[in-house]
PDB file of N, CA and C in Angstrom:
ATOM      1  N   MET A   1     -35.607  -8.905 -32.987  1.00  0.00           N
ATOM      2  CA  MET A   1     -34.443  -8.287 -31.719  1.00  0.00           C
ATOM      3  C   MET A   1     -34.847  -8.361 -30.647  1.00  0.00           C
ATOM      4  N   ILE A   2     -35.642  -7.513 -30.380  1.00  0.00           N
ATOM      5  CA  ILE A   2     -35.307  -7.841 -29.291  1.00  0.00           C
ATOM      6  C   ILE A   2     -34.998  -8.818 -28.520  1.00  0.00           C
ATOM      7  N   ALA A   3     -36.166 -10.521 -28.743  1.00  0.00           N
ATOM      8  CA  ALA A   3     -35.333 -11.836 -27.983  1.00  0.00           C
ATOM      9  C   ALA A   3     -34.048 -12.151 -28.549  1.00  0.00           C
ATOM     10  N   ASP A   4     -33.490 -11.659 -29.835  1.00  0.00           N
ATOM     11  CA  ASP A   4     -31.993 -11.926 -29.441  1.00  0.00           C
ATOM     12  C   ASP A   4     -31.573 -10.688 -28.206  1.00  0.00           C
ATOM     13  N   ASP A   5     -31.547  -9.374 -28.121  1.00  0.00           N
ATOM     14  CA  ASP A   5     -30.894  -9.037 -27.019  1.00  0.00           C
ATOM     15  C   ASP A   5     -31.619  -9.922 -25.986  1.00  0.00           C
ATOM     16  N   ARG A   6     -33.175 -10.137 -25.427  1.00  0.00           N
ATOM     17  CA  ARG A   6     -32.727 -10.798 -24.064  1.00  0.00           C
ATOM     18  C   ARG A   6     -32.218 -12.051 -24.195  1.00  0.00           C
ATOM     19  N   GLU A   7     -31.960 -12.592 -24.568  1.00  0.00           N
ATOM     20  CA  GLU A   7     -31.432 -13.508 -25.238  1.00  0.00           C
ATOM     21  C   GLU A   7     -29.544 -13.037 -24.623  1.00  0.00           C
ATOM     22  N   ALA A   8     -29.418 -12.729 -25.179  1.00  0.00           N
ATOM     23  CA  ALA A   8     -27.673 -11.896 -24.888  1.00  0.00           C
ATOM     24  C   ALA A   8     -27.578 -11.569 -23.214  1.00  0.00           C
ATOM     25  N   VAL A   9     -28.714 -10.618 -23.223  1.00  0.00           N
ATOM     26  CA  VAL A   9     -28.333  -9.905 -21.304  1.00  0.00           C
ATOM     27  C   VAL A   9     -28.630 -11.300 -20.818  1.00  0.00           C
ATOM     28  N   TRP A  10     -29.142 -12.230 -21.546  1.00  0.00           N
ATOM     29  CA  TRP A  10     -30.005 -13.755 -20.323  1.00  0.00           C
ATOM     30  C   TRP A  10     -28.336 -14.540 -19.993  1.00  0.00           C
ATOM     31  N   SER A  11     -27.992 -14.787 -20.773  1.00  0.00           N
ATOM     32  CA  SER A  11     -26.685 -15.428 -21.114  1.00  0.00           C
ATOM     33  C   SER A  11     -25.379 -15.026 -20.569  1.00  0.00           C
ATOM     34  N   GLU A  12     -25.348 -13.746 -20.313  1.00  0.00           N
ATOM     35  CA  GLU A  12     -24.235 -12.746 -19.964  1.00  0.00           C
ATOM     36  C   GLU A  12     -24.599 -12.613 -17.586  1.00  0.00           C
ATOM     37  N   ALA A  13     -26.026 -13.087 -17.869  1.00  0.00           N
ATOM     38  CA  ALA A  13     -26.107 -12.330 -16.597  1.00  0.00           C
ATOM     39  C   ALA A  13     -25.562 -13.006 -15.742  1.00  0.00           C
ATOM     40  N   ARG A  14     -24.658 -12.684 -14.236  1.00  0.00           N
ATOM     41  CA  ARG A  14     -24.381 -13.742 -13.185  1.00  0.00           C
ATOM     42  C   ARG A  14     -24.878 -13.189 -12.184  1.00  0.00           C
ATOM     43  N   VAL A  15     -25.792 -14.404 -12.073  1.00  0.00           N
ATOM     44  CA  VAL A  15     -26.204 -15.382 -10.472  1.00  0.00           C
ATOM     45  C   VAL A  15     -25.577 -15.749 -10.115  1.00  0.00           C
ATOM     46  N   PRO A  16     -25.036 -14.541  -8.547  1.00  0.00           N
ATOM     47  CA  PRO A  16     -24.485 -15.405  -7.482  1.00  0.00           C
ATOM     48  C   PRO A  16     -25.144 -16.339  -7.144  1.00  0.00           C
ATOM     49  N   SER A  17     -24.232 -18.010  -6.610  1.00  0.00           N
ATOM     50  CA  SER A  17     -24.503 -18.637  -5.318  1.00  0.00           C
ATOM     51  C   SER A  17     -25.573 -18.227  -4.814  1.00  0.00           C
ATOM     52  N   ALA A  18     -26.080 -19.474  -4.413  1.00  0.00           N
ATOM     53  CA  ALA A  18     -26.819 -19.564  -3.224  1.00  0.00           C
ATOM     54  C   ALA A  18     -26.017 -19.025  -1.706  1.00  0.00           C
ATOM     55  N   GLY A  19     -25.105 -19.694  -2.000  1.00  0.00           N
ATOM     56  CA  GLY A  19     -23.348 -19.733  -0.364  1.00  0.00           C
ATOM     57  C   GLY A  19     -23.393 -17.656   0.040  1.00  0.00           C
ATOM     58  N   ALA A  20     -23.432 -17.207  -1.144  1.00  0.00           N
ATOM     59  CA  ALA A  20     -23.534 -15.401  -1.211  1.00  0.00           C
ATOM     60  C   ALA A  20     -23.744 -14.547  -0.587  1.00  0.00           C
ATOM     61  N   VAL A  21     -25.626 -15.254  -1.593  1.00  0.00           N
ATOM     62  CA  VAL A  21     -27.254 -14.729  -1.454  1.00  0.00           C
ATOM     63  C   VAL A  21     -27.328 -14.960   0.377  1.00  0.00           C
ATOM     64  N   TRP A  22     -27.396 -15.971   1.095  1.00  0.00           N
ATOM     65  CA  TRP A  22     -27.169 -16.539   1.777  1.00  0.00           C
ATOM     66  C   TRP A  22     -26.757 -15.086   3.016  1.00  0.00           C
ATOM     67  N   TRP A  23     -25.058 -15.261   3.050  1.00  0.00           N
ATOM     68  CA  TRP A  23     -23.907 -14.566   3.183  1.00  0.00           C
ATOM     69  C   TRP A  23     -24.964 -12.954   3.570  1.00  0.00           C
ATOM     70  N   ARG A  24     -24.454 -12.698   2.412  1.00  0.00           N
ATOM     71  CA  ARG A  24     -24.802 -11.711   2.646  1.00  0.00           C
ATOM     72  C   ARG A  24     -26.340 -10.920   3.207  1.00  0.00           C
ATOM     73  N   SER A  25     -27.465 -12.577   3.394  1.00  0.00           N
ATOM     74  CA  SER A  25     -28.562 -11.868   4.099  1.00  0.00           C
ATOM     75  C   SER A  25     -28.600 -12.047   5.351  1.00  0.00           C
ATOM     76  N   GLN A  26     -27.614 -12.543   6.225  1.00  0.00           N
ATOM     77  CA  GLN A  26     -27.186 -12.423   7.266  1.00  0.00           C
ATOM     78  C   GLN A  26     -26.642 -11.927   7.379  1.00  0.00           C
ATOM     79  N   LEU A  27     -25.425 -11.607   6.798  1.00  0.00           N
ATOM     80  CA  LEU A  27     -25.052  -9.806   7.336  1.00  0.00           C
ATOM     81  C   LEU A  27     -25.917  -8.325   7.423  1.00  0.00           C
ATOM     82  N   ARG A  28     -27.275  -8.894   6.670  1.00  0.00           N
ATOM     83  CA  ARG A  28     -28.059  -7.661   6.320  1.00  0.00           C
ATOM     84  C   ARG A  28     -28.660  -7.691   7.364  1.00  0.00           C
ATOM     85  N   ALA A  29     -29.137  -8.553   7.838  1.00  0.00           N
ATOM     86  CA  ALA A  29     -29.605  -8.869   9.096  1.00  0.00           C
ATOM     87  C   ALA A  29     -28.914  -8.760  10.411  1.00  0.00           C
ATOM     88  N   ARG A  30     -27.939  -8.989  10.789  1.00  0.00           N
ATOM     89  CA  ARG A  30     -27.045  -8.133  11.540  1.00  0.00           C
ATOM     90  C   ARG A  30     -26.644  -6.568  11.620  1.00  0.00           C
ATOM     91  N   GLU A  31     -26.812  -6.656  10.682  1.00  0.00           N
ATOM     92  CA  GLU A  31     -26.684  -4.559  10.139  1.00  0.00           C
ATOM     93  C   GLU A  31     -28.366  -3.908  10.622  1.00  0.00           C
ATOM     94  N   ASP A  32     -29.124  -4.685  10.840  1.00  0.00           N
ATOM     95  CA  ASP A  32     -30.433  -4.362  10.934  1.00  0.00           C
ATOM     96  C   ASP A  32     -30.349  -4.285  12.421  1.00  0.00           C
ATOM     97  N   ALA A  33     -30.380  -5.852  12.593  1.00  0.00           N
ATOM     98  CA  ALA A  33     -31.122  -5.677  14.673  1.00  0.00           C
ATOM     99  C   ALA A  33     -29.504  -5.008  15.154  1.00  0.00           C
ATOM    100  N   ALA A  34     -28.555  -4.852  14.830  1.00  0.00           N
ATOM    101  CA  ALA A  34     -27.609  -3.493  14.975  1.00  0.00           C
ATOM    102  C   ALA A  34     -27.942  -2.574  15.474  1.00  0.00           C
ATOM    103  N   ARG A  35     -28.647  -1.563  14.643  1.00  0.00           N
ATOM    104  CA  ARG A  35     -29.185  -0.340  13.753  1.00  0.00           C
ATOM    105  C   ARG A  35     -30.513  -0.551  15.228  1.00  0.00           C
ATOM    106  N   GLU A  36     -31.523  -1.927  14.889  1.00  0.00           N
ATOM    107  CA  GLU A  36     -32.793  -1.551  16.118  1.00  0.00           C
ATOM    108  C   GLU A  36     -31.980  -1.884  17.462  1.00  0.00           C
ATOM    109  N   ALA A  37     -31.332  -2.376  17.684  1.00  0.00           N
ATOM    110  CA  ALA A  37     -30.630  -2.337  19.304  1.00  0.00           C
ATOM    111  C   ALA A  37     -30.228  -0.649  19.798  1.00  0.00           C
ATOM    112  N   GLY A  38     -30.061   0.008  18.957  1.00  0.00           N
ATOM    113  CA  GLY A  38     -28.848   1.141  19.405  1.00  0.00           C
ATOM    114  C   GLY A  38     -29.980   2.378  18.712  1.00  0.00           C
ATOM    115  N   ARG A  39     -31.930   2.217  19.079  1.00  0.00           N
ATOM    116  CA  ARG A  39     -32.229   3.192  19.200  1.00  0.00           C
ATOM    117  C   ARG A  39     -32.652   3.706  20.007  1.00  0.00           C
ATOM    118  N   PRO A  40     -33.020   2.852  20.912  1.00  0.00           N
ATOM    119  CA  PRO A  40     -33.255   3.224  22.511  1.00  0.00           C
ATOM    120  C   PRO A  40     -31.719   3.649  22.773  1.00  0.00           C
ATOM    121  N   VAL A  41     -30.172   2.880  23.125  1.00  0.00           N
ATOM    122  CA  VAL A  41     -29.295   4.171  23.269  1.00  0.00           C
ATOM    123  C   VAL A  41     -29.623   5.355  22.951  1.00  0.00           C
ATOM    124  N   ALA A  42     -29.812   5.560  21.524  1.00  0.00           N
ATOM    125  CA  ALA A  42     -29.489   6.745  20.993  1.00  0.00           C
ATOM    126  C   ALA A  42     -31.333   7.868  21.524  1.00  0.00           C
ATOM    127  N   PHE A  43     -32.253   7.454  21.722  1.00  0.00           N
ATOM    128  CA  PHE A  43     -33.196   7.763  22.763  1.00  0.00           C
ATOM    129  C   PHE A  43     -33.142   8.493  23.756  1.00  0.00           C
ATOM    130  N   ILE A  44     -32.287   7.131  24.590  1.00  0.00           N
ATOM    131  CA  ILE A  44     -32.148   7.842  26.152  1.00  0.00           C
ATOM    132  C   ILE A  44     -30.997   8.764  25.730  1.00  0.00           C
ATOM    133  N   GLN A  45     -29.957   8.863  25.349  1.00  0.00           N
ATOM    134  CA  GLN A  45     -28.810   9.587  25.218  1.00  0.00           C
ATOM    135  C   GLN A  45     -29.490  11.594  25.350  1.00  0.00           C
ATOM    136  N   GLY A  46     -30.749  11.449  24.010  1.00  0.00           N
ATOM    137  CA  GLY A  46     -31.597  12.592  23.843  1.00  0.00           C
ATOM    138  C   GLY A  46     -32.057  12.958  25.446  1.00  0.00           C
ATOM    139  N   VAL A  47     -32.457  12.155  25.651  1.00  0.00           N
ATOM    140  CA  VAL A  47     -33.376  12.159  26.867  1.00  0.00           C
ATOM    141  C   VAL A  47     -32.765  12.912  28.149  1.00  0.00           C
ATOM    142  N   ALA A  48     -31.064  12.490  28.194  1.00  0.00           N
ATOM    143  CA  ALA A  48     -30.381  12.695  29.183  1.00  0.00           C
ATOM    144  C   ALA A  48     -29.675  14.085  29.118  1.00  0.00           C
ATOM    145  N   ALA A  49     -29.864  14.416  26.948  1.00  0.00           N
ATOM    146  CA  ALA A  49     -28.807  15.729  27.281  1.00  0.00           C
ATOM    147  C   ALA A  49     -29.904  16.523  27.568  1.00  0.00           C
ATOM    148  N   SER A  50     -30.705  16.275  27.063  1.00  0.00           N
ATOM    149  CA  SER A  50     -32.401  17.187  27.099  1.00  0.00           C
ATOM    150  C   SER A  50     -32.860  17.545  28.756  1.00  0.00           C
ATOM    151  N   VAL A  51     -32.359  16.708  29.768  1.00  0.00           N
ATOM    152  CA  VAL A  51     -32.461  16.370  30.549  1.00  0.00           C
ATOM    153  C   VAL A  51     -31.259  17.827  31.053  1.00  0.00           C
ATOM    154  N   ALA A  52     -30.777  17.618  30.906  1.00  0.00           N
ATOM    155  CA  ALA A  52     -29.089  17.970  31.352  1.00  0.00           C
ATOM    156  C   ALA A  52     -29.204  19.404  31.667  1.00  0.00           C
ATOM    157  N   VAL A  53     -29.784  19.567  30.196  1.00  0.00           N
ATOM    158  CA  VAL A  53     -29.819  21.194  29.552  1.00  0.00           C
ATOM    159  C   VAL A  53     -31.381  21.781  30.839  1.00  0.00           C
ATOM    160  N   TRP A  54     -31.764  21.580  30.655  1.00  0.00           N
ATOM    161  CA  TRP A  54     -32.954  22.011  31.780  1.00  0.00           C
ATOM    162  C   TRP A  54     -32.391  22.081  33.127  1.00  0.00           C
ATOM    163  N   LEU A  55     -31.696  21.115  33.292  1.00  0.00           N
ATOM    164  CA  LEU A  55     -31.375  21.054  34.783  1.00  0.00           C
ATOM    165  C   LEU A  55     -30.416  22.395  35.319  1.00  0.00           C
ATOM    166  N   ILE A  56     -29.459  22.623  33.776  1.00  0.00           N
ATOM    167  CA  ILE A  56     -28.920  23.719  33.915  1.00  0.00           C
ATOM    168  C   ILE A  56     -29.508  25.015  34.672  1.00  0.00           C
ATOM    169  N   VAL A  57     -30.054  25.046  32.963  1.00  0.00           N
ATOM    170  CA  VAL A  57     -31.108  27.067  33.138  1.00  0.00           C
ATOM    171  C   VAL A  57     -32.372  26.851  34.561  1.00  0.00           C
ATOM    172  N   SER A  58     -31.934  25.626  34.857  1.00  0.00           N
ATOM    173  CA  SER A  58     -33.582  25.889  36.214  1.00  0.00           C
ATOM    174  C   SER A  58     -32.351  25.881  37.918  1.00  0.00           C
ATOM    175  N   LEU A  59     -31.039  25.830  37.610  1.00  0.00           N
ATOM    176  CA  LEU A  59     -29.986  26.297  38.530  1.00  0.00           C
ATOM    177  C   LEU A  59     -29.749  27.593  38.755  1.00  0.00           C
ATOM    178  N   VAL A  60     -29.509  27.759  37.401  1.00  0.00           N
ATOM    179  CA  VAL A  60     -28.599  29.305  36.969  1.00  0.00           C
ATOM    180  C   VAL A  60     -30.184  30.284  37.333  1.00  0.00           C
ATOM    181  N   ARG A  61     -31.490  29.791  36.625  1.00  0.00           N
ATOM    182  CA  ARG A  61     -32.591  30.237  37.149  1.00  0.00           C
ATOM    183  C   ARG A  61     -33.122  30.307  38.569  1.00  0.00           C
ATOM    184  N   ALA A  62     -32.518  29.906  39.674  1.00  0.00           N
ATOM    185  CA  ALA A  62     -33.216  29.518  41.106  1.00  0.00           C
ATOM    186  C   ALA A  62     -31.884  30.622  42.221  1.00  0.00           C
ATOM    187  N   LEU A  63     -30.864  30.692  41.490  1.00  0.00           N
ATOM    188  CA  LEU A  63     -29.400  31.866  42.201  1.00  0.00           C
ATOM    189  C   LEU A  63     -30.186  32.796  42.173  1.00  0.00           C
ATOM    190  N   PRO A  64     -29.954  33.405  43.633  1.00  0.00           N
ATOM    191  CA  PRO A  64     -30.265  34.697  43.518  1.00  0.00           C
ATOM    192  C   PRO A  64     -29.713  36.313  42.157  1.00  0.00           C
ATOM    193  N   ALA A  65     -30.626  37.379  42.633  1.00  0.00           N
ATOM    194  CA  ALA A  65     -30.473  37.945  41.118  1.00  0.00           C
ATOM    195  C   ALA A  65     -28.921  38.858  40.958  1.00  0.00           C
ATOM    196  N   GLY A  66     -27.835  39.276  41.913  1.00  0.00           N
ATOM    197  CA  GLY A  66     -27.030  39.695  41.686  1.00  0.00           C
ATOM    198  C   GLY A  66     -25.958  38.774  42.021  1.00  0.00           C
ATOM    199  N   TYR A  67     -25.769  37.108  42.372  1.00  0.00           N
ATOM    200  CA  TYR A  67     -24.657  36.144  42.645  1.00  0.00           C
ATOM    201  C   TYR A  67     -24.599  36.453  40.951  1.00  0.00           C
ATOM    202  N   LEU A  68     -24.707  35.872  40.482  1.00  0.00           N
ATOM    203  CA  LEU A  68     -24.326  35.693  38.583  1.00  0.00           C
ATOM    204  C   LEU A  68     -23.519  37.419  38.178  1.00  0.00           C
ATOM    205  N   SER A  69     -23.714  37.988  38.318  1.00  0.00           N
ATOM    206  CA  SER A  69     -23.146  39.541  38.238  1.00  0.00           C
ATOM    207  C   SER A  69     -21.657  39.698  39.422  1.00  0.00           C
ATOM    208  N   GLU A  70     -21.791  39.097  40.482  1.00  0.00           N
ATOM    209  CA  GLU A  70     -20.467  38.592  41.393  1.00  0.00           C
ATOM    210  C   GLU A  70     -19.871  37.348  41.211  1.00  0.00           C
ATOM    211  N   TRP A  71     -20.549  36.702  40.821  1.00  0.00           N
ATOM    212  CA  TRP A  71     -19.973  35.458  40.220  1.00  0.00           C
ATOM    213  C   TRP A  71     -18.704  36.067  39.393  1.00  0.00           C
ATOM    214  N   ARG A  72     -19.084  36.849  37.994  1.00  0.00           N
ATOM    215  CA  ARG A  72     -18.845  38.047  36.600  1.00  0.00           C
ATOM    216  C   ARG A  72     -17.396  38.185  37.070  1.00  0.00           C
ATOM    217  N   THR A  73     -17.241  39.247  38.870  1.00  0.00           N
ATOM    218  CA  THR A  73     -16.786  40.017  39.049  1.00  0.00           C
ATOM    219  C   THR A  73     -15.779  38.888  40.027  1.00  0.00           C
ATOM    220  N   TRP A  74     -16.116  38.336  40.477  1.00  0.00           N
ATOM    221  CA  TRP A  74     -14.801  37.274  41.311  1.00  0.00           C
ATOM    222  C   TRP A  74     -14.027  36.689  40.098  1.00  0.00           C
ATOM    223  N   VAL A  75     -14.661  36.456  38.702  1.00  0.00           N
ATOM    224  CA  VAL A  75     -13.842  35.185  37.675  1.00  0.00           C
ATOM    225  C   VAL A  75     -12.899  36.429  37.004  1.00  0.00           C
ATOM    226  N   SER A  76     -13.477  37.595  37.092  1.00  0.00           N
ATOM    227  CA  SER A  76     -12.627  39.077  35.879  1.00  0.00           C
ATOM    228  C   SER A  76     -11.505  38.846  37.093  1.00  0.00           C
ATOM    229  N   SER A  77     -11.961  39.210  38.000  1.00  0.00           N
ATOM    230  CA  SER A  77     -10.650  39.516  39.082  1.00  0.00           C
ATOM    231  C   SER A  77      -9.400  38.495  38.819  1.00  0.00           C
ATOM    232  N   SER A  78      -9.656  37.372  38.897  1.00  0.00           N
ATOM    233  CA  SER A  78      -8.633  36.296  39.217  1.00  0.00           C
ATOM    234  C   SER A  78      -8.199  35.648  38.412  1.00  0.00           C
ATOM    235  N   LEU A  79      -8.538  36.352  36.929  1.00  0.00           N
ATOM    236  CA  LEU A  79      -7.836  36.178  35.590  1.00  0.00           C
ATOM    237  C   LEU A  79      -7.083  37.048  36.002  1.00  0.00           C
ATOM    238  N   PRO A  80      -5.781  36.821  34.501  1.00  0.00           N
ATOM    239  CA  PRO A  80      -5.019  37.576  34.721  1.00  0.00           C
ATOM    240  C   PRO A  80      -5.630  38.598  33.151  1.00  0.00           C
ATOM    241  N   ALA A  81      -5.570  40.186  32.884  1.00  0.00           N
ATOM    242  CA  ALA A  81      -5.845  41.150  32.427  1.00  0.00           C
ATOM    243  C   ALA A  81      -4.719  40.903  30.510  1.00  0.00           C
ATOM    244  N   LEU A  82      -5.401  40.234  29.842  1.00  0.00           N
ATOM    245  CA  LEU A  82      -4.705  39.736  28.371  1.00  0.00           C
ATOM    246  C   LEU A  82      -4.105  40.931  27.786  1.00  0.00           C
ATOM    247  N   THR A  83      -3.516  41.366  26.966  1.00  0.00           N
ATOM    248  CA  THR A  83      -2.641  42.025  26.278  1.00  0.00           C
ATOM    249  C   THR A  83      -3.019  41.798  24.808  1.00  0.00           C
ATOM    250  N   MET A  84      -2.996  43.046  24.153  1.00  0.00           N
ATOM    251  CA  MET A  84      -2.983  42.235  22.420  1.00  0.00           C
ATOM    252  C   MET A  84      -2.095  41.378  22.120  1.00  0.00           C
ATOM    253  N   ALA A  85      -0.296  42.175  22.549  1.00  0.00           N
ATOM    254  CA  ALA A  85       0.843  41.138  22.628  1.00  0.00           C
ATOM    255  C   ALA A  85       0.500  39.538  22.755  1.00  0.00           C
ATOM    256  N   ASP A  86      -0.136  39.300  24.161  1.00  0.00           N
ATOM    257  CA  ASP A  86      -0.533  38.379  24.391  1.00  0.00           C
ATOM    258  C   ASP A  86      -0.905  37.772  23.923  1.00  0.00           C
ATOM    259  N   VAL A  87      -2.306  37.767  23.323  1.00  0.00           N
ATOM    260  CA  VAL A  87      -3.059  37.673  22.041  1.00  0.00           C
ATOM    261  C   VAL A  87      -2.510  37.200  20.991  1.00  0.00           C
ATOM    262  N   ALA A  88      -1.562  38.410  20.380  1.00  0.00           N
ATOM    263  CA  ALA A  88      -0.548  37.591  19.245  1.00  0.00           C
ATOM    264  C   ALA A  88      -0.018  36.929  18.981  1.00  0.00           C
ATOM    265  N   ARG A  89       0.982  36.599  19.880  1.00  0.00           N
ATOM    266  CA  ARG A  89       1.559  35.125  20.773  1.00  0.00           C
ATOM    267  C   ARG A  89       1.009  33.999  20.638  1.00  0.00           C
ATOM    268  N   VAL A  90      -0.328  34.045  21.450  1.00  0.00           N
ATOM    269  CA  VAL A  90      -1.133  32.122  21.519  1.00  0.00           C
ATOM    270  C   VAL A  90      -1.294  32.371  19.986  1.00  0.00           C
ATOM    271  N   THR A  91      -1.608  33.068  19.638  1.00  0.00           N
ATOM    272  CA  THR A  91      -2.149  33.401  17.532  1.00  0.00           C
ATOM    273  C   THR A  91      -1.300  32.644  16.978  1.00  0.00           C
ATOM    274  N   THR A  92       0.040  33.524  17.312  1.00  0.00           N
ATOM    275  CA  THR A  92       1.184  32.884  16.258  1.00  0.00           C
ATOM    276  C   THR A  92       1.328  30.749  16.554  1.00  0.00           C
ATOM    277  N   ALA A  93       0.509  30.827  17.906  1.00  0.00           N
ATOM    278  CA  ALA A  93       1.425  29.665  18.116  1.00  0.00           C
ATOM    279  C   ALA A  93       0.590  28.653  17.951  1.00  0.00           C
ATOM    280  N   VAL A  94      -0.553  28.932  17.523  1.00  0.00           N
ATOM    281  CA  VAL A  94      -1.703  28.178  16.417  1.00  0.00           C
ATOM    282  C   VAL A  94      -1.228  26.989  15.598  1.00  0.00           C
ATOM    283  N   PRO A  95      -0.892  27.487  15.096  1.00  0.00           N
ATOM    284  CA  PRO A  95      -0.372  26.772  13.794  1.00  0.00           C
ATOM    285  C   PRO A  95       0.902  25.083  14.079  1.00  0.00           C
ATOM    286  N   LEU A  96       1.511  25.295  14.509  1.00  0.00           N
ATOM    287  CA  LEU A  96       2.496  25.444  15.507  1.00  0.00           C
ATOM    288  C   LEU A  96       2.004  23.766  16.323  1.00  0.00           C
ATOM    289  N   ILE A  97       0.662  24.163  16.981  1.00  0.00           N
ATOM    290  CA  ILE A  97      -0.095  23.301  17.703  1.00  0.00           C
ATOM    291  C   ILE A  97      -1.064  21.941  17.231  1.00  0.00           C
ATOM    292  N   VAL A  98      -1.439  23.090  16.486  1.00  0.00           N
ATOM    293  CA  VAL A  98      -2.311  21.898  15.067  1.00  0.00           C
ATOM    294  C   VAL A  98      -1.234  21.386  14.910  1.00  0.00           C
ATOM    295  N   PHE A  99      -0.303  21.776  14.421  1.00  0.00           N
ATOM    296  CA  PHE A  99       0.903  21.032  13.210  1.00  0.00           C
ATOM    297  C   PHE A  99       0.979  19.224  14.596  1.00  0.00           C
ATOM    298  N   ILE A 100       1.139  19.954  15.329  1.00  0.00           N
ATOM    299  CA  ILE A 100       1.573  18.763  16.390  1.00  0.00           C
ATOM    300  C   ILE A 100       0.887  18.063  16.747  1.00  0.00           C
ATOM    301  N   LEU A 101      -0.407  18.336  16.759  1.00  0.00           N
ATOM    302  CA  LEU A 101      -1.428  16.971  17.337  1.00  0.00           C
ATOM    303  C   LEU A 101      -1.840  16.622  16.054  1.00  0.00           C
ATOM    304  N   VAL A 102      -1.404  17.419  15.297  1.00  0.00           N
ATOM    305  CA  VAL A 102      -2.148  15.949  14.118  1.00  0.00           C
ATOM    306  C   VAL A 102      -1.156  14.976  13.723  1.00  0.00           C
ATOM    307  N   ALA A 103       0.081  15.260  13.831  1.00  0.00           N
ATOM    308  CA  ALA A 103       1.157  14.282  13.622  1.00  0.00           C
ATOM    309  C   ALA A 103       0.871  13.315  15.134  1.00  0.00           C
ATOM    310  N   VAL A 104       1.106  13.373  16.045  1.00  0.00           N
ATOM    311  CA  VAL A 104       0.791  12.618  16.910  1.00  0.00           C
ATOM    312  C   VAL A 104      -0.397  11.960  16.673  1.00  0.00           C
ATOM    313  N   TRP A 105      -1.785  13.002  16.179  1.00  0.00           N
ATOM    314  CA  TRP A 105      -2.364  11.490  15.704  1.00  0.00           C
ATOM    315  C   TRP A 105      -2.573  11.025  14.913  1.00  0.00           C
ATOM    316  N   LEU A 106      -1.401  11.239  14.043  1.00  0.00           N
ATOM    317  CA  LEU A 106      -1.643   9.556  13.125  1.00  0.00           C
ATOM    318  C   LEU A 106      -0.418   8.927  13.420  1.00  0.00           C
ATOM    319  N   VAL A 107       1.123   9.248  13.881  1.00  0.00           N
ATOM    320  CA  VAL A 107       1.396   8.612  14.669  1.00  0.00           C
ATOM    321  C   VAL A 107       0.436   7.279  15.506  1.00  0.00           C
ATOM    322  N   LEU A 108      -0.551   7.951  16.414  1.00  0.00           N
ATOM    323  CA  LEU A 108      -1.215   7.137  17.589  1.00  0.00           C
ATOM    324  C   LEU A 108      -2.690   5.702  17.010  1.00  0.00           C
ATOM    325  N   ALA A 109      -2.920   6.692  15.640  1.00  0.00           N
ATOM    326  CA  ALA A 109      -4.040   6.329  15.212  1.00  0.00           C
ATOM    327  C   ALA A 109      -3.953   4.566  14.875  1.00  0.00           C
ATOM    328  N   PRO A 110      -3.070   4.230  13.871  1.00  0.00           N
ATOM    329  CA  PRO A 110      -2.689   3.047  13.828  1.00  0.00           C
ATOM    330  C   PRO A 110      -2.090   2.356  15.123  1.00  0.00           C
ATOM    331  N   VAL A 111      -1.158   2.713  15.710  1.00  0.00           N
ATOM    332  CA  VAL A 111      -1.146   1.753  16.442  1.00  0.00           C
ATOM    333  C   VAL A 111      -2.140   1.888  17.959  1.00  0.00           C
ATOM    334  N   ALA A 112      -3.635   2.528  17.926  1.00  0.00           N
ATOM    335  CA  ALA A 112      -4.924   2.363  18.113  1.00  0.00           C
ATOM    336  C   ALA A 112      -5.681   0.917  17.443  1.00  0.00           C
ATOM    337  N   ILE A 113      -5.760   1.402  16.202  1.00  0.00           N
ATOM    338  CA  ILE A 113      -6.514   0.551  14.854  1.00  0.00           C
ATOM    339  C   ILE A 113      -6.140  -0.842  14.661  1.00  0.00           C
ATOM    340  N   TYR A 114      -4.380  -1.096  15.268  1.00  0.00           N
ATOM    341  CA  TYR A 114      -3.939  -2.005  15.508  1.00  0.00           C
ATOM    342  C   TYR A 114      -4.006  -2.832  16.561  1.00  0.00           C
ATOM    343  N   PHE A 115      -4.066  -2.538  17.707  1.00  0.00           N
ATOM    344  CA  PHE A 115      -4.725  -2.820  18.824  1.00  0.00           C
ATOM    345  C   PHE A 115      -6.311  -3.500  18.818  1.00  0.00           C
ATOM    346  N   ALA A 116      -7.279  -2.638  18.154  1.00  0.00           N
ATOM    347  CA  ALA A 116      -8.154  -2.569  18.470  1.00  0.00           C
ATOM    348  C   ALA A 116      -8.815  -3.663  17.051  1.00  0.00           C
ATOM    349  N   ALA A 117      -8.042  -3.954  16.242  1.00  0.00           N
ATOM    350  CA  ALA A 117      -8.519  -5.161  15.765  1.00  0.00           C
ATOM    351  C   ALA A 117      -7.542  -6.278  15.769  1.00  0.00           C
ATOM    352  N   THR A 118      -7.030  -6.104  16.790  1.00  0.00           N
ATOM    353  CA  THR A 118      -6.022  -7.612  17.018  1.00  0.00           C
ATOM    354  C   THR A 118      -7.545  -8.646  17.889  1.00  0.00           C
ATOM    355  N   ASP A 119      -7.305  -9.992  17.693  1.00  0.00           N
ATOM    356  CA  ASP A 119      -8.072 -10.470  18.560  1.00  0.00           C
ATOM    357  C   ASP A 119      -8.036 -10.976  19.603  1.00  0.00           C
ATOM    358  N   GLU A 120      -6.947 -11.054  19.989  1.00  0.00           N
ATOM    359  CA  GLU A 120      -6.220 -10.906  21.959  1.00  0.00           C
ATOM    360  C   GLU A 120      -7.467 -10.394  22.579  1.00  0.00           C
TER     361      GLU A 120
END
């Protein structure tokens, strides 16, 4: 029985052509090379982000003690005071704004994909 099953499976097996195997190996080699080339870029981006955070923290700590409180006071005095009615108006407009943004995205995304995929 085992020999019969082996023979049945062997006769039904689909072996890909040499060209298909070669094409897949070339595709995998390209993907591996692209992934390998992207690693240093990702590393440098991480280093740049950490340096930016460190720089911001260092600059904030280097400020005089009362400067941040003066800055907060200046910002709060220059902004208009919001009431609950203003907040309610904004929150009722959010679904409409989201709907408009999604509609614009649905229209522009295929156009952008078309221009990105053209050979010219």
